[in-house]
Protein backbone atom coordinates (compact mmCIF):
# COMPACT_ATOMS: atom_id res chain seq x y z
CA MET A 1 92.56 119.47 41.08
CA GLN A 2 90.26 116.31 41.28
CA GLY A 3 86.40 115.73 40.40
CA ARG A 4 83.90 113.68 38.72
CA VAL A 5 82.76 113.79 35.02
CA ILE A 6 78.93 114.60 35.26
CA LYS A 7 78.60 115.19 31.29
CA GLN A 8 80.01 114.57 28.22
CA ILE A 9 79.38 116.22 24.51
CA SER A 10 81.75 114.84 22.02
CA ASN A 11 85.28 115.63 23.32
CA ARG A 12 84.16 118.07 26.00
CA TYR A 13 83.55 117.04 29.57
CA THR A 14 81.82 118.66 32.31
CA VAL A 15 83.75 118.04 35.59
CA LEU A 16 82.37 118.64 39.11
CA LEU A 17 85.57 119.54 41.06
CA ASP A 18 85.88 118.55 44.86
CA ASP A 19 85.41 122.09 45.70
CA GLN A 20 82.08 122.10 43.87
CA GLN A 21 83.32 124.27 40.99
CA ILE A 22 82.19 123.05 37.64
CA LYS A 23 84.80 123.20 34.66
CA THR A 24 84.48 122.20 31.01
CA CYS A 25 87.51 120.23 30.11
CA ILE A 26 89.07 118.50 27.21
CA ALA A 27 91.09 115.10 27.43
CA ARG A 28 94.86 115.84 27.27
CA GLY A 29 96.84 114.19 24.50
CA LYS A 30 98.27 111.47 26.55
CA LEU A 31 94.70 110.21 27.49
CA ARG A 32 93.78 109.59 24.06
CA LEU A 33 96.19 106.70 24.02
CA GLY A 34 94.81 104.97 26.83
CA ILE A 35 91.31 105.10 28.65
CA SER A 36 89.04 107.90 27.63
CA PRO A 37 86.92 109.52 30.25
CA VAL A 38 83.29 108.70 30.51
CA VAL A 39 80.43 110.07 32.69
CA GLY A 40 81.00 109.04 36.30
CA ASP A 41 84.84 108.94 36.16
CA PHE A 42 86.90 110.42 38.81
CA VAL A 43 89.74 112.39 37.16
CA ASP A 44 92.39 114.68 37.85
CA VAL A 45 92.14 118.25 36.18
CA GLN A 46 94.81 120.80 35.17
CA LYS A 47 94.73 124.19 34.16
CA PHE A 48 96.83 125.25 31.05
CA ASP A 49 96.53 128.57 29.48
CA ASP A 50 92.88 129.74 29.69
CA LYS A 51 91.56 126.03 29.45
CA TYR A 52 91.04 122.82 31.64
CA GLY A 53 92.42 119.31 30.68
CA ILE A 54 91.85 115.91 32.27
CA GLU A 55 95.32 114.49 32.93
CA LYS A 56 94.26 111.22 34.67
CA VAL A 57 91.29 108.76 34.83
CA TYR A 58 91.32 106.72 38.16
CA GLN A 59 90.59 103.23 38.32
CA ARG A 60 86.96 102.34 37.95
CA THR A 61 84.92 100.07 40.19
CA ASN A 62 82.55 99.09 37.12
CA TYR A 63 81.89 100.32 33.78
CA LEU A 64 78.95 100.12 31.47
CA GLN A 65 79.32 100.49 27.65
CA ARG A 66 75.63 101.29 27.11
CA PRO A 67 75.11 103.93 28.38
CA PRO A 68 78.86 104.65 28.76
CA ILE A 69 79.13 105.27 32.52
CA ALA A 70 81.41 104.46 35.29
CA ASN A 71 81.70 103.82 38.84
CA VAL A 72 77.93 103.05 39.43
CA ASP A 73 76.50 102.03 42.74
CA GLN A 74 73.13 100.82 41.72
CA ALA A 75 70.64 100.38 38.83
CA ILE A 76 67.04 100.76 39.03
CA VAL A 77 65.10 98.53 36.93
CA VAL A 78 62.02 100.38 36.16
CA MET A 79 58.99 98.05 35.12
CA SER A 80 55.35 99.03 34.82
CA ALA A 81 52.69 96.71 36.42
CA VAL A 82 50.81 97.26 33.20
CA ASN A 83 51.18 99.09 29.76
CA PRO A 84 53.58 97.79 28.95
CA PRO A 85 52.82 94.60 30.96
CA PHE A 86 55.37 93.50 33.77
CA SER A 87 57.84 91.03 32.37
CA PRO A 88 59.65 88.73 35.05
CA ILE A 89 61.82 87.28 32.18
CA LEU A 90 63.21 90.73 31.12
CA VAL A 91 63.70 91.80 34.81
CA ASP A 92 65.60 88.72 35.47
CA GLN A 93 67.95 89.02 32.63
CA LEU A 94 68.26 92.86 33.44
CA ILE A 95 69.12 91.92 37.10
CA PHE A 96 71.55 89.19 36.03
CA LEU A 97 73.57 91.54 33.87
CA ILE A 98 73.61 94.14 36.38
CA SER A 99 74.75 91.85 39.10
CA CYS A 100 77.67 90.67 36.98
CA GLU A 101 78.78 94.41 36.58
CA ASN A 102 79.15 94.47 40.45
CA ILE A 103 76.34 96.84 40.54
CA GLU A 104 73.32 96.55 42.86
CA PRO A 105 69.85 95.91 41.25
CA ILE A 106 66.94 97.75 42.53
CA ILE A 107 63.38 97.02 41.07
CA LEU A 108 60.90 99.89 40.80
CA VAL A 109 57.41 98.80 39.71
CA THR A 110 55.36 101.67 38.38
CA LYS A 111 51.61 102.20 37.72
CA MET A 112 50.68 100.07 40.75
CA ASP A 113 47.52 102.36 41.16
CA LEU A 114 46.09 100.56 37.85
CA VAL A 115 46.16 96.88 39.26
CA LYS A 116 43.49 95.21 41.26
CA ALA A 117 44.36 93.57 44.77
CA ASP A 118 44.47 90.16 43.47
CA ASP A 119 46.76 90.96 40.52
CA VAL A 120 49.55 88.57 39.79
CA ILE A 121 52.08 91.35 40.26
CA PHE A 122 51.97 90.99 43.89
CA ASP A 123 53.12 87.50 43.88
CA TYR A 124 55.99 88.51 41.50
CA ILE A 125 57.02 91.27 43.89
CA ALA A 126 56.80 88.92 46.96
CA ASP A 127 58.93 86.47 45.01
CA TYR A 128 61.76 89.08 44.39
CA ARG A 129 61.80 90.37 47.76
CA HIS A 130 62.12 86.65 48.98
CA GLY A 131 65.22 86.36 46.85
CA GLY A 132 66.80 89.38 48.69
CA TYR A 133 66.08 91.85 46.26
CA GLN A 134 64.83 95.45 47.17
CA VAL A 135 61.51 96.35 45.49
CA ILE A 136 59.90 99.61 45.56
CA ILE A 137 56.26 100.24 44.16
CA SER A 138 55.07 103.32 42.84
CA GLY A 139 51.89 104.75 41.76
CA LYS A 140 49.33 107.77 42.27
CA ASP A 141 48.34 106.37 45.50
CA THR A 142 51.66 105.27 47.05
CA ASN A 143 53.87 107.52 49.09
CA ASP A 144 57.07 106.33 47.54
CA LEU A 145 59.18 109.62 47.34
CA PRO A 146 60.67 109.44 50.91
CA ALA A 147 61.93 105.81 50.28
CA LEU A 148 63.11 106.71 46.85
CA GLU A 149 65.06 109.92 48.36
CA ILE A 150 66.78 107.59 50.98
CA LEU A 151 67.46 105.14 48.39
CA LEU A 152 69.40 107.82 45.87
CA LYS A 153 71.29 109.57 48.57
CA ASP A 154 75.15 109.39 48.29
CA LYS A 155 74.80 106.93 45.25
CA ILE A 156 75.46 107.07 41.59
CA SER A 157 72.33 105.29 40.00
CA VAL A 158 71.34 104.42 36.49
CA LEU A 159 67.83 103.75 35.22
CA THR A 160 67.02 100.84 32.99
CA GLY A 161 63.65 99.42 31.51
CA GLN A 162 61.34 99.28 28.65
CA SER A 163 60.23 102.53 27.03
CA GLY A 164 56.97 103.93 28.37
CA VAL A 165 57.39 102.33 31.92
CA GLY A 166 57.80 105.96 33.21
CA LYS A 167 61.54 106.39 33.85
CA SER A 168 61.45 110.15 32.84
CA SER A 169 58.30 110.69 34.65
CA PHE A 170 59.79 109.03 37.83
CA LEU A 171 62.69 111.68 37.70
CA ASN A 172 60.31 114.53 37.03
CA ARG A 173 58.23 113.54 40.20
CA LEU A 174 61.47 113.60 42.30
CA ASP A 175 62.55 116.81 40.97
CA PRO A 176 60.27 118.97 38.97
CA SER A 177 63.02 121.30 37.85
CA PHE A 178 64.33 118.51 35.57
CA LYS A 179 61.47 119.15 33.01
CA LEU A 180 62.61 116.08 31.07
CA VAL A 181 60.32 115.48 28.16
CA THR A 182 57.98 112.72 28.55
CA GLN A 183 55.64 110.92 26.18
CA GLU A 184 52.38 109.04 26.34
CA ILE A 185 52.37 105.30 25.67
CA SER A 186 51.57 104.82 21.99
CA HIS A 187 48.22 103.05 22.00
CA ALA A 188 48.80 101.83 18.59
CA LEU A 189 51.96 99.93 19.56
CA GLY A 190 51.24 99.21 23.21
CA ARG A 191 54.69 100.78 23.99
CA GLY A 192 56.48 103.95 24.11
CA LYS A 193 59.34 105.60 22.46
CA HIS A 194 62.67 106.70 24.07
CA THR A 195 62.22 110.41 25.23
CA THR A 196 65.83 110.78 26.61
CA ARG A 197 68.34 112.17 24.23
CA ASN A 198 71.74 112.48 26.11
CA SER A 199 73.41 110.74 28.99
CA GLU A 200 74.26 112.79 31.87
CA LEU A 201 74.33 112.67 35.69
CA TYR A 202 71.88 114.87 37.37
CA ALA A 203 71.98 115.84 41.05
CA ILE A 204 69.08 114.58 43.14
CA ALA A 205 68.32 113.81 46.67
CA GLY A 206 71.95 114.06 47.50
CA GLY A 207 73.06 111.62 44.95
CA TRP A 208 73.49 111.38 41.15
CA ILE A 209 71.17 109.66 38.54
CA ALA A 210 71.71 109.12 34.97
CA ASP A 211 68.52 109.01 32.81
CA THR A 212 69.34 107.22 29.78
CA PRO A 213 67.77 104.70 27.14
CA GLY A 214 69.33 102.06 29.40
CA PHE A 215 70.29 98.56 28.22
CA SER A 216 68.39 98.31 25.06
CA LYS A 217 70.68 95.28 24.08
CA LEU A 218 70.88 92.41 26.38
CA ASP A 219 74.46 91.19 25.88
CA PHE A 220 75.45 88.10 27.28
CA SER A 221 78.47 87.64 25.14
CA MET A 222 80.81 89.48 27.29
CA ILE A 223 80.27 87.54 30.54
CA THR A 224 81.23 83.74 31.42
CA LYS A 225 79.13 81.25 32.99
CA GLU A 226 81.19 81.21 36.08
CA ARG A 227 80.80 84.99 36.57
CA LEU A 228 77.22 84.81 36.14
CA ALA A 229 77.03 81.91 38.75
CA ALA A 230 79.10 83.88 41.35
CA SER A 231 76.93 87.12 40.99
CA LEU A 232 73.41 86.13 41.61
CA LYS A 233 72.04 87.43 44.86
CA ASP A 234 69.71 84.32 44.78
CA PHE A 235 72.58 81.93 45.28
CA ASN A 236 74.62 84.08 47.86
CA ASP A 237 73.65 81.65 50.77
CA TYR A 238 74.89 78.43 48.98
CA HIS A 239 78.22 79.34 47.79
CA GLY A 240 80.66 76.68 48.70
CA LYS A 241 77.94 74.12 49.48
CA CYS A 242 77.83 72.50 46.26
CA ARG A 243 79.80 69.01 45.80
CA PHE A 244 81.99 70.70 43.18
CA ARG A 245 83.79 73.93 43.79
CA ASP A 246 83.13 74.98 40.19
CA CYS A 247 79.69 74.28 40.05
CA LEU A 248 77.54 76.24 37.61
CA HIS A 249 74.35 74.76 39.11
CA ASP A 250 72.98 73.25 36.17
CA LYS A 251 73.60 69.46 35.58
CA GLU A 252 76.17 68.70 38.34
CA PRO A 253 75.35 66.34 41.03
CA GLY A 254 75.26 67.32 44.75
CA CYS A 255 74.30 70.85 43.79
CA ALA A 256 73.13 73.04 46.76
CA VAL A 257 71.31 75.37 44.63
CA LYS A 258 69.25 72.99 42.88
CA GLU A 259 68.30 71.26 46.21
CA ALA A 260 67.20 74.86 47.15
CA VAL A 261 65.19 75.14 44.20
CA ASP A 262 63.52 71.89 44.88
CA GLN A 263 62.81 72.82 48.52
CA LYS A 264 61.25 76.18 47.22
CA MET A 265 64.09 78.47 49.16
CA ILE A 266 65.19 79.69 45.60
CA SER A 267 62.56 80.97 42.92
CA ALA A 268 61.99 78.20 40.33
CA SER A 269 61.20 80.60 37.62
CA ARG A 270 64.26 82.78 38.19
CA TYR A 271 66.36 79.56 38.45
CA GLN A 272 65.02 78.60 34.93
CA HIS A 273 65.68 82.01 33.45
CA TYR A 274 69.36 81.58 34.91
CA ILE A 275 69.70 78.41 33.01
CA GLU A 276 68.38 80.02 29.95
CA CYS A 277 71.07 82.62 30.33
CA LEU A 278 73.84 79.95 30.64
CA GLN A 279 72.73 79.08 27.26
CA TYR A 280 72.79 82.50 25.85
CA ILE A 281 76.32 82.75 27.23
CA GLU A 282 77.31 79.67 25.36
CA GLU A 283 75.70 81.11 22.01
CA GLY A 284 77.22 84.58 22.59
CA ARG A 285 73.72 86.06 22.16
CA LYS A 286 72.57 89.47 21.87
CA THR A 287 69.18 90.35 22.01
CA ASN A 288 66.93 93.66 21.78
CA TYR A 289 64.03 94.15 24.33
CA ASP A 290 63.07 97.49 23.17
């Protein structure tokens, strides 16, 4: 029998089989010597005695270590317009890391009902959309649910972003039956506290979504400069147009990306954040953002 792991607690795995049965499984002995199953894995399941065991883990399209989840289609970067304030530096670092894992980044900006019409947040949103990123705005006055439901259908999605930006509240709005615990922003600290206790896939809008603390560490030590340069959506139109095939778009002459930045075809601020991330990779840097 084949299925997908939708939950893991210790060495017990909840698997949704292709025939929609749900079985609690253990990993058979031979798996413990190789790849251990994680949430999102496609697996083979076999019944033995009165139990079910995972016999095989299929090859993954991608894998995130924190949270441990595989075969992710998209990562929704949830950022609030205010309280905590929108951070384009953090957004850029997150979408860089997400893109390097072959995962589509989506930006969701919450609390848009709390900003004025001339707020700088609208410039940020326009800049990301110009760069080819999908941005969805959310607030009490926005009818965002239909767009979000279309976005999630037939996809495996993960949420990431600072505490207090409204990740669990966002899921509760999509499906009140989640009844996930939410907390108000701590006014003393100007930030929230993680309210999510477990990593698990939830069925929603015809797809699956993981509500987790997300990437609380920004780890640039596990990727290469070449991988970063090749993964950014902003640079897609300029691949192969630089003088040097292995151009990192940093100090090399004849760089099409730098020319596009000068011509304002590529966001200057996001390009600067890219240059900073090249330095992080060189230093093997890991940083906390939450």
